[in-house]
Amino acid sequence: MTALSGRRVLVVEDESLIAMMASDFLTDLGATVIGPATSIDAALTIISTHEIDAAVLDLNIRGELSKRVADALRLHRIPMVCATGYGEGAADFARGSPIIDKPYSRENLESSLRAVLSAGAE
């Protein structure tokens, strides 16, 4: 059993291979995968209609920065891990959340999610 067992994790990712990889990692870690959402609008709909414990958010979805999704996650008090292929300076709106570089490892994803979930429990 891991710290992610039973946790509902939203995956917001427009690259299908990375979305499948993240979903596989999360399933292996015992999490329930919500999504993946492949567009900003799909992510916003899921956030407003599902119970979510945490999210993995690609900072750029189909050429649009994911600021609206990050704002919605914060509004709903859902902790997030941000993923990017552009490095840590990719988006100011991601500040305060862990940023992991794509492609990321299972271990990096797990440790980042564990950190945001334990911070939210304090």
C-alpha atoms as a PDB file:
ATOM      1  CA  MET A   1       0.000   0.000   0.000  1.00  0.00           C
ATOM      2  CA  THR A   2       1.314   3.464  -0.896  1.00  0.00           C
ATOM      3  CA  ALA A   3       0.429   7.008   0.117  1.00  0.00           C
ATOM      4  CA  LEU A   4      -1.515   7.233  -3.128  1.00  0.00           C
ATOM      5  CA  SER A   5      -3.697   4.176  -2.514  1.00  0.00           C
ATOM      6  CA  GLY A   6      -7.326   5.124  -3.012  1.00  0.00           C
ATOM      7  CA  ARG A   7      -6.513   8.726  -3.962  1.00  0.00           C
ATOM      8  CA  ARG A   8      -8.381  10.208  -6.928  1.00  0.00           C
ATOM      9  CA  VAL A   9      -5.873  11.937  -9.202  1.00  0.00           C
ATOM     10  CA  LEU A  10      -6.849  14.042 -12.197  1.00  0.00           C
ATOM     11  CA  VAL A  11      -4.462  13.866 -15.146  1.00  0.00           C
ATOM     12  CA  VAL A  12      -4.548  16.904 -17.457  1.00  0.00           C
ATOM     13  CA  GLU A  13      -2.315  16.104 -20.418  1.00  0.00           C
ATOM     14  CA  ASP A  14      -2.702  16.533 -24.178  1.00  0.00           C
ATOM     15  CA  GLU A  15       0.142  14.217 -25.205  1.00  0.00           C
ATOM     16  CA  SER A  16      -1.397  10.752 -25.362  1.00  0.00           C
ATOM     17  CA  LEU A  17       1.804   8.820 -24.599  1.00  0.00           C
ATOM     18  CA  ILE A  18       2.533  10.893 -21.508  1.00  0.00           C
ATOM     19  CA  ALA A  19      -1.114  10.669 -20.398  1.00  0.00           C
ATOM     20  CA  MET A  20      -0.989   6.862 -20.722  1.00  0.00           C
ATOM     21  CA  MET A  21       2.340   6.716 -18.897  1.00  0.00           C
ATOM     22  CA  ALA A  22       1.048   8.893 -16.037  1.00  0.00           C
ATOM     23  CA  SER A  23      -2.138   6.837 -15.820  1.00  0.00           C
ATOM     24  CA  ASP A  24      -0.127   3.607 -15.669  1.00  0.00           C
ATOM     25  CA  PHE A  25       2.172   5.018 -12.976  1.00  0.00           C
ATOM     26  CA  LEU A  26      -0.778   6.194 -10.894  1.00  0.00           C
ATOM     27  CA  THR A  27      -2.653   2.908 -11.264  1.00  0.00           C
ATOM     28  CA  ASP A  28       0.486   1.008 -10.219  1.00  0.00           C
ATOM     29  CA  LEU A  29       0.671   3.256  -7.141  1.00  0.00           C
ATOM     30  CA  GLY A  30      -2.912   2.414  -6.197  1.00  0.00           C
ATOM     31  CA  ALA A  31      -4.497   5.713  -7.244  1.00  0.00           C
ATOM     32  CA  THR A  32      -7.736   6.079  -9.155  1.00  0.00           C
ATOM     33  CA  VAL A  33      -7.103   8.029 -12.346  1.00  0.00           C
ATOM     34  CA  ILE A  34      -9.608  10.727 -13.255  1.00  0.00           C
ATOM     35  CA  GLY A  35      -9.381  11.608 -16.944  1.00  0.00           C
ATOM     36  CA  PRO A  36      -7.087  12.145 -18.622  1.00  0.00           C
ATOM     37  CA  ALA A  37      -8.442  15.502 -19.680  1.00  0.00           C
ATOM     38  CA  THR A  38      -6.914  16.479 -23.001  1.00  0.00           C
ATOM     39  CA  SER A  39      -8.265  20.036 -23.193  1.00  0.00           C
ATOM     40  CA  ILE A  40      -8.689  23.005 -20.876  1.00  0.00           C
ATOM     41  CA  ASP A  41     -12.498  22.852 -21.110  1.00  0.00           C
ATOM     42  CA  ALA A  42     -12.565  19.107 -20.364  1.00  0.00           C
ATOM     43  CA  ALA A  43     -10.377  19.649 -17.312  1.00  0.00           C
ATOM     44  CA  LEU A  44     -12.615  22.454 -16.025  1.00  0.00           C
ATOM     45  CA  THR A  45     -15.706  20.257 -16.446  1.00  0.00           C
ATOM     46  CA  ILE A  46     -14.084  17.362 -14.586  1.00  0.00           C
ATOM     47  CA  ILE A  47     -12.955  19.638 -11.741  1.00  0.00           C
ATOM     48  CA  SER A  48     -16.501  20.914 -11.274  1.00  0.00           C
ATOM     49  CA  THR A  49     -18.149  17.466 -11.431  1.00  0.00           C
ATOM     50  CA  HIS A  50     -15.781  15.008  -9.724  1.00  0.00           C
ATOM     51  CA  GLU A  51     -14.232  14.522  -6.317  1.00  0.00           C
ATOM     52  CA  ILE A  52     -10.501  14.897  -6.802  1.00  0.00           C
ATOM     53  CA  ASP A  53      -7.711  14.554  -4.244  1.00  0.00           C
ATOM     54  CA  ALA A  54      -4.859  15.877  -6.426  1.00  0.00           C
ATOM     55  CA  ALA A  55      -3.995  16.694 -10.016  1.00  0.00           C
ATOM     56  CA  VAL A  56      -1.118  16.318 -12.441  1.00  0.00           C
ATOM     57  CA  LEU A  57      -1.337  19.363 -14.688  1.00  0.00           C
ATOM     58  CA  ASP A  58       0.534  19.870 -17.955  1.00  0.00           C
ATOM     59  CA  LEU A  59       1.340  23.589 -18.075  1.00  0.00           C
ATOM     60  CA  ASN A  60       0.553  23.861 -21.779  1.00  0.00           C
ATOM     61  CA  ILE A  61      -2.488  22.148 -23.275  1.00  0.00           C
ATOM     62  CA  ARG A  62      -2.855  22.356 -27.043  1.00  0.00           C
ATOM     63  CA  GLY A  63      -0.859  25.573 -27.170  1.00  0.00           C
ATOM     64  CA  GLU A  64      -2.773  27.275 -24.335  1.00  0.00           C
ATOM     65  CA  LEU A  65      -1.308  27.873 -20.885  1.00  0.00           C
ATOM     66  CA  SER A  66      -3.213  25.946 -18.222  1.00  0.00           C
ATOM     67  CA  LYS A  67      -3.747  28.965 -15.955  1.00  0.00           C
ATOM     68  CA  ARG A  68      -7.545  28.600 -15.912  1.00  0.00           C
ATOM     69  CA  VAL A  69      -7.189  24.979 -14.801  1.00  0.00           C
ATOM     70  CA  ALA A  70      -4.649  25.893 -12.110  1.00  0.00           C
ATOM     71  CA  ASP A  71      -7.003  28.624 -10.877  1.00  0.00           C
ATOM     72  CA  ALA A  72      -9.941  26.170 -10.732  1.00  0.00           C
ATOM     73  CA  LEU A  73      -7.846  23.611  -8.843  1.00  0.00           C
ATOM     74  CA  ARG A  74      -6.816  26.250  -6.305  1.00  0.00           C
ATOM     75  CA  LEU A  75     -10.421  27.450  -5.965  1.00  0.00           C
ATOM     76  CA  HIS A  76     -11.471  23.871  -5.134  1.00  0.00           C
ATOM     77  CA  ARG A  77      -8.425  23.437  -2.859  1.00  0.00           C
ATOM     78  CA  ILE A  78      -7.079  20.575  -4.962  1.00  0.00           C
ATOM     79  CA  PRO A  79      -3.295  20.285  -4.716  1.00  0.00           C
ATOM     80  CA  MET A  80      -1.432  19.931  -7.993  1.00  0.00           C
ATOM     81  CA  VAL A  81       1.823  18.815  -9.467  1.00  0.00           C
ATOM     82  CA  CYS A  82       2.714  20.694 -12.638  1.00  0.00           C
ATOM     83  CA  ALA A  83       4.441  18.978 -15.541  1.00  0.00           C
ATOM     84  CA  THR A  84       6.283  20.722 -18.336  1.00  0.00           C
ATOM     85  CA  GLY A  85       8.772  20.191 -21.075  1.00  0.00           C
ATOM     86  CA  TYR A  86       9.888  23.834 -20.828  1.00  0.00           C
ATOM     87  CA  GLY A  87      11.651  23.883 -17.451  1.00  0.00           C
ATOM     88  CA  GLU A  88      10.747  25.498 -14.135  1.00  0.00           C
ATOM     89  CA  GLY A  89      10.423  29.024 -15.511  1.00  0.00           C
ATOM     90  CA  ALA A  90       7.664  27.929 -17.873  1.00  0.00           C
ATOM     91  CA  ALA A  91       4.714  29.527 -16.097  1.00  0.00           C
ATOM     92  CA  ASP A  92       4.388  31.972 -13.223  1.00  0.00           C
ATOM     93  CA  PHE A  93       0.913  30.640 -12.387  1.00  0.00           C
ATOM     94  CA  ALA A  94       2.483  27.304 -11.359  1.00  0.00           C
ATOM     95  CA  ARG A  95       4.507  28.877  -8.559  1.00  0.00           C
ATOM     96  CA  GLY A  96       3.953  27.225  -5.201  1.00  0.00           C
ATOM     97  CA  SER A  97       3.351  23.809  -6.758  1.00  0.00           C
ATOM     98  CA  PRO A  98       5.998  21.213  -7.533  1.00  0.00           C
ATOM     99  CA  ILE A  99       7.103  21.338 -11.150  1.00  0.00           C
ATOM    100  CA  ILE A 100       8.380  18.153 -12.757  1.00  0.00           C
ATOM    101  CA  ASP A 101      10.075  17.954 -16.120  1.00  0.00           C
ATOM    102  CA  LYS A 102       8.583  15.755 -18.825  1.00  0.00           C
ATOM    103  CA  PRO A 103       9.120  12.968 -19.375  1.00  0.00           C
ATOM    104  CA  TYR A 104       9.061  12.223 -15.655  1.00  0.00           C
ATOM    105  CA  SER A 105       9.713   9.029 -13.779  1.00  0.00           C
ATOM    106  CA  ARG A 106       7.245   7.131 -11.646  1.00  0.00           C
ATOM    107  CA  GLU A 107       9.374   7.959  -8.599  1.00  0.00           C
ATOM    108  CA  ASN A 108       9.380  11.684  -9.365  1.00  0.00           C
ATOM    109  CA  LEU A 109       5.624  11.701  -9.887  1.00  0.00           C
ATOM    110  CA  GLU A 110       5.017   9.730  -6.702  1.00  0.00           C
ATOM    111  CA  SER A 111       7.271  11.859  -4.496  1.00  0.00           C
ATOM    112  CA  SER A 112       5.773  15.101  -5.849  1.00  0.00           C
ATOM    113  CA  LEU A 113       2.194  13.897  -5.309  1.00  0.00           C
ATOM    114  CA  ARG A 114       3.038  12.613  -1.829  1.00  0.00           C
ATOM    115  CA  ALA A 115       4.456  16.037  -0.971  1.00  0.00           C
ATOM    116  CA  VAL A 116       1.389  17.998  -2.096  1.00  0.00           C
ATOM    117  CA  LEU A 117      -1.027  15.553  -0.475  1.00  0.00           C
ATOM    118  CA  SER A 118       0.806  15.612   2.854  1.00  0.00           C
ATOM    119  CA  ALA A 119       1.023  19.429   2.728  1.00  0.00           C
ATOM    120  CA  GLY A 120      -2.734  19.584   2.174  1.00  0.00           C
ATOM    121  CA  ALA A 121      -3.329  17.364   5.211  1.00  0.00           C
ATOM    122  CA  GLU A 122      -1.581  19.816   7.551  1.00  0.00           C
END
